[in-house]
Amino acid sequence: MTVPQSPDNWRKSSRSTNTSNCVEVGRVAAGAAVRDTKDRGAGYFTTTGAQWSAFVAAIKAERFT
């Protein structure tokens, strides 16, 4: 049985320092965890390293504008 790892090292973009409308990203062994800064108690979702890399690449390519 595998025990899930709790995310650590939560951080948010330095560009969103003065806002509360953002997400935080934390580390997990196999990828990343994401949660809402306004409702941290609601939980988080995790992605694999490959999924996270594809998401970041899509953002950088402006596919979500």
N, C-alpha and C. Protein backbone atom coordinates (compact mmCIF):
# COMPACT_ATOMS: atom_id res chain seq x y z
N MET A 1 0.84 -1.18 0.00
CA MET A 1 0.00 0.00 0.00
C MET A 1 0.88 1.25 0.00
N THR A 2 0.51 2.23 -0.81
CA THR A 2 1.24 3.49 -0.88
C THR A 2 0.56 4.54 -0.03
N VAL A 3 1.31 5.21 0.80
CA VAL A 3 0.77 6.27 1.63
C VAL A 3 0.93 7.59 0.89
N PRO A 4 -0.17 8.34 0.67
CA PRO A 4 -0.06 9.60 -0.05
C PRO A 4 0.85 10.58 0.69
N GLN A 5 1.61 11.31 -0.07
CA GLN A 5 2.50 12.31 0.51
C GLN A 5 1.75 13.63 0.61
N SER A 6 1.90 14.30 1.74
CA SER A 6 1.31 15.63 1.88
C SER A 6 2.16 16.64 1.12
N PRO A 7 1.53 17.56 0.43
CA PRO A 7 2.29 18.59 -0.29
C PRO A 7 3.07 19.46 0.69
N ASP A 8 4.21 19.93 0.25
CA ASP A 8 4.99 20.86 1.06
C ASP A 8 5.50 21.99 0.17
N ASN A 9 6.14 22.96 0.78
CA ASN A 9 6.74 24.09 0.07
C ASN A 9 5.72 24.84 -0.78
N TRP A 10 4.53 25.11 -0.20
CA TRP A 10 3.50 25.85 -0.93
C TRP A 10 4.02 27.23 -1.29
N ARG A 11 3.71 27.70 -2.50
CA ARG A 11 4.12 29.03 -2.93
C ARG A 11 3.14 29.55 -3.98
N LYS A 12 3.13 30.87 -4.13
CA LYS A 12 2.32 31.47 -5.18
C LYS A 12 3.21 32.41 -5.97
N SER A 13 2.76 32.81 -7.11
CA SER A 13 3.54 33.66 -7.99
C SER A 13 3.90 34.97 -7.30
N SER A 14 5.10 35.43 -7.52
CA SER A 14 5.51 36.72 -6.97
C SER A 14 4.70 37.85 -7.60
N ARG A 15 4.09 37.62 -8.74
CA ARG A 15 3.26 38.63 -9.41
C ARG A 15 1.90 38.78 -8.74
N SER A 16 1.56 37.87 -7.86
CA SER A 16 0.25 37.95 -7.19
C SER A 16 0.40 38.25 -5.70
N THR A 17 1.48 38.88 -5.32
CA THR A 17 1.75 39.16 -3.91
C THR A 17 0.64 39.97 -3.25
N ASN A 18 0.10 40.96 -3.92
CA ASN A 18 -0.89 41.85 -3.31
C ASN A 18 -2.33 41.48 -3.65
N THR A 19 -2.57 40.28 -4.12
CA THR A 19 -3.93 39.86 -4.44
C THR A 19 -4.26 38.56 -3.72
N SER A 20 -5.56 38.27 -3.63
CA SER A 20 -5.96 37.01 -3.02
C SER A 20 -6.61 36.09 -4.05
N ASN A 21 -6.68 36.51 -5.30
CA ASN A 21 -7.28 35.71 -6.36
C ASN A 21 -6.22 34.90 -7.09
N CYS A 22 -5.67 33.93 -6.44
CA CYS A 22 -4.64 33.14 -7.08
C CYS A 22 -4.62 31.73 -6.50
N VAL A 23 -3.77 30.93 -7.03
CA VAL A 23 -3.59 29.57 -6.54
C VAL A 23 -2.18 29.43 -6.00
N GLU A 24 -1.99 28.42 -5.19
CA GLU A 24 -0.67 28.08 -4.67
C GLU A 24 -0.28 26.72 -5.22
N VAL A 25 0.99 26.52 -5.40
CA VAL A 25 1.51 25.25 -5.89
C VAL A 25 2.43 24.67 -4.81
N GLY A 26 2.26 23.40 -4.54
CA GLY A 26 3.11 22.70 -3.59
C GLY A 26 3.77 21.50 -4.24
N ARG A 27 4.79 21.00 -3.61
CA ARG A 27 5.50 19.83 -4.14
C ARG A 27 4.93 18.54 -3.58
N VAL A 28 4.84 17.55 -4.43
CA VAL A 28 4.60 16.17 -4.03
C VAL A 28 5.63 15.32 -4.76
N ALA A 29 5.85 14.13 -4.30
CA ALA A 29 6.92 13.30 -4.86
C ALA A 29 6.82 13.11 -6.37
N ALA A 30 5.60 12.93 -6.88
CA ALA A 30 5.45 12.61 -8.30
C ALA A 30 5.03 13.80 -9.16
N GLY A 31 4.97 15.01 -8.59
CA GLY A 31 4.55 16.15 -9.40
C GLY A 31 4.26 17.37 -8.58
N ALA A 32 3.02 17.89 -8.71
CA ALA A 32 2.65 19.14 -8.05
C ALA A 32 1.26 19.03 -7.46
N ALA A 33 0.99 19.86 -6.46
CA ALA A 33 -0.33 20.00 -5.87
C ALA A 33 -0.75 21.45 -6.04
N VAL A 34 -2.06 21.69 -6.23
CA VAL A 34 -2.57 23.03 -6.46
C VAL A 34 -3.77 23.26 -5.54
N ARG A 35 -3.83 24.46 -4.93
CA ARG A 35 -4.97 24.81 -4.08
C ARG A 35 -5.30 26.30 -4.24
N ASP A 36 -6.51 26.66 -3.84
CA ASP A 36 -6.99 28.03 -3.90
C ASP A 36 -6.53 28.78 -2.65
N THR A 37 -5.93 29.95 -2.82
CA THR A 37 -5.45 30.71 -1.66
C THR A 37 -6.59 31.24 -0.80
N LYS A 38 -7.77 31.43 -1.38
CA LYS A 38 -8.90 31.95 -0.60
C LYS A 38 -9.57 30.88 0.24
N ASP A 39 -9.37 29.61 -0.09
CA ASP A 39 -10.03 28.52 0.64
C ASP A 39 -9.08 27.32 0.75
N ARG A 40 -8.01 27.52 1.47
CA ARG A 40 -6.99 26.46 1.59
C ARG A 40 -7.56 25.20 2.24
N GLY A 41 -8.54 25.37 3.10
CA GLY A 41 -9.14 24.23 3.77
C GLY A 41 -9.99 23.34 2.87
N ALA A 42 -10.28 23.81 1.67
CA ALA A 42 -11.11 23.03 0.74
C ALA A 42 -10.32 21.87 0.12
N GLY A 43 -9.03 21.86 0.32
CA GLY A 43 -8.22 20.77 -0.22
C GLY A 43 -7.40 21.20 -1.42
N TYR A 44 -6.90 20.23 -2.13
CA TYR A 44 -6.03 20.48 -3.27
C TYR A 44 -6.15 19.32 -4.24
N PHE A 45 -5.64 19.52 -5.45
CA PHE A 45 -5.55 18.41 -6.39
C PHE A 45 -4.10 18.23 -6.77
N THR A 46 -3.75 17.04 -7.20
CA THR A 46 -2.37 16.76 -7.59
C THR A 46 -2.29 16.40 -9.06
N THR A 47 -1.10 16.63 -9.61
CA THR A 47 -0.81 16.28 -11.00
C THR A 47 0.51 15.52 -11.04
N THR A 48 0.71 14.79 -12.10
CA THR A 48 2.01 14.16 -12.29
C THR A 48 2.99 15.22 -12.78
N GLY A 49 4.25 14.91 -12.77
CA GLY A 49 5.25 15.83 -13.28
C GLY A 49 5.03 16.16 -14.75
N ALA A 50 4.65 15.17 -15.55
CA ALA A 50 4.40 15.38 -16.97
C ALA A 50 3.19 16.28 -17.19
N GLN A 51 2.13 16.07 -16.42
CA GLN A 51 0.94 16.92 -16.54
C GLN A 51 1.26 18.36 -16.18
N TRP A 52 2.01 18.55 -15.10
CA TRP A 52 2.35 19.90 -14.67
C TRP A 52 3.22 20.59 -15.72
N SER A 53 4.19 19.89 -16.26
CA SER A 53 5.05 20.47 -17.30
C SER A 53 4.25 20.87 -18.54
N ALA A 54 3.29 20.04 -18.94
CA ALA A 54 2.45 20.36 -20.09
C ALA A 54 1.58 21.58 -19.80
N PHE A 55 1.06 21.70 -18.59
CA PHE A 55 0.25 22.84 -18.21
C PHE A 55 1.07 24.13 -18.23
N VAL A 56 2.24 24.11 -17.64
CA VAL A 56 3.11 25.29 -17.63
C VAL A 56 3.50 25.69 -19.05
N ALA A 57 3.82 24.72 -19.89
CA ALA A 57 4.17 25.01 -21.28
C ALA A 57 2.99 25.66 -22.01
N ALA A 58 1.78 25.20 -21.74
CA ALA A 58 0.59 25.77 -22.38
C ALA A 58 0.38 27.23 -21.92
N ILE A 59 0.63 27.50 -20.66
CA ILE A 59 0.51 28.86 -20.16
C ILE A 59 1.53 29.76 -20.87
N LYS A 60 2.77 29.30 -20.94
CA LYS A 60 3.82 30.09 -21.58
C LYS A 60 3.53 30.31 -23.07
N ALA A 61 2.85 29.38 -23.69
CA ALA A 61 2.49 29.52 -25.11
C ALA A 61 1.20 30.32 -25.30
N GLU A 62 0.65 30.84 -24.20
CA GLU A 62 -0.57 31.66 -24.21
C GLU A 62 -1.78 30.94 -24.81
N ARG A 63 -1.89 29.66 -24.52
CA ARG A 63 -3.02 28.87 -25.04
C ARG A 63 -4.31 29.13 -24.27
N PHE A 64 -4.25 29.83 -23.13
CA PHE A 64 -5.44 30.06 -22.33
C PHE A 64 -5.91 31.50 -22.35
N THR A 65 -5.45 32.29 -23.30
CA THR A 65 -5.87 33.70 -23.35
C THR A 65 -7.10 33.90 -24.19
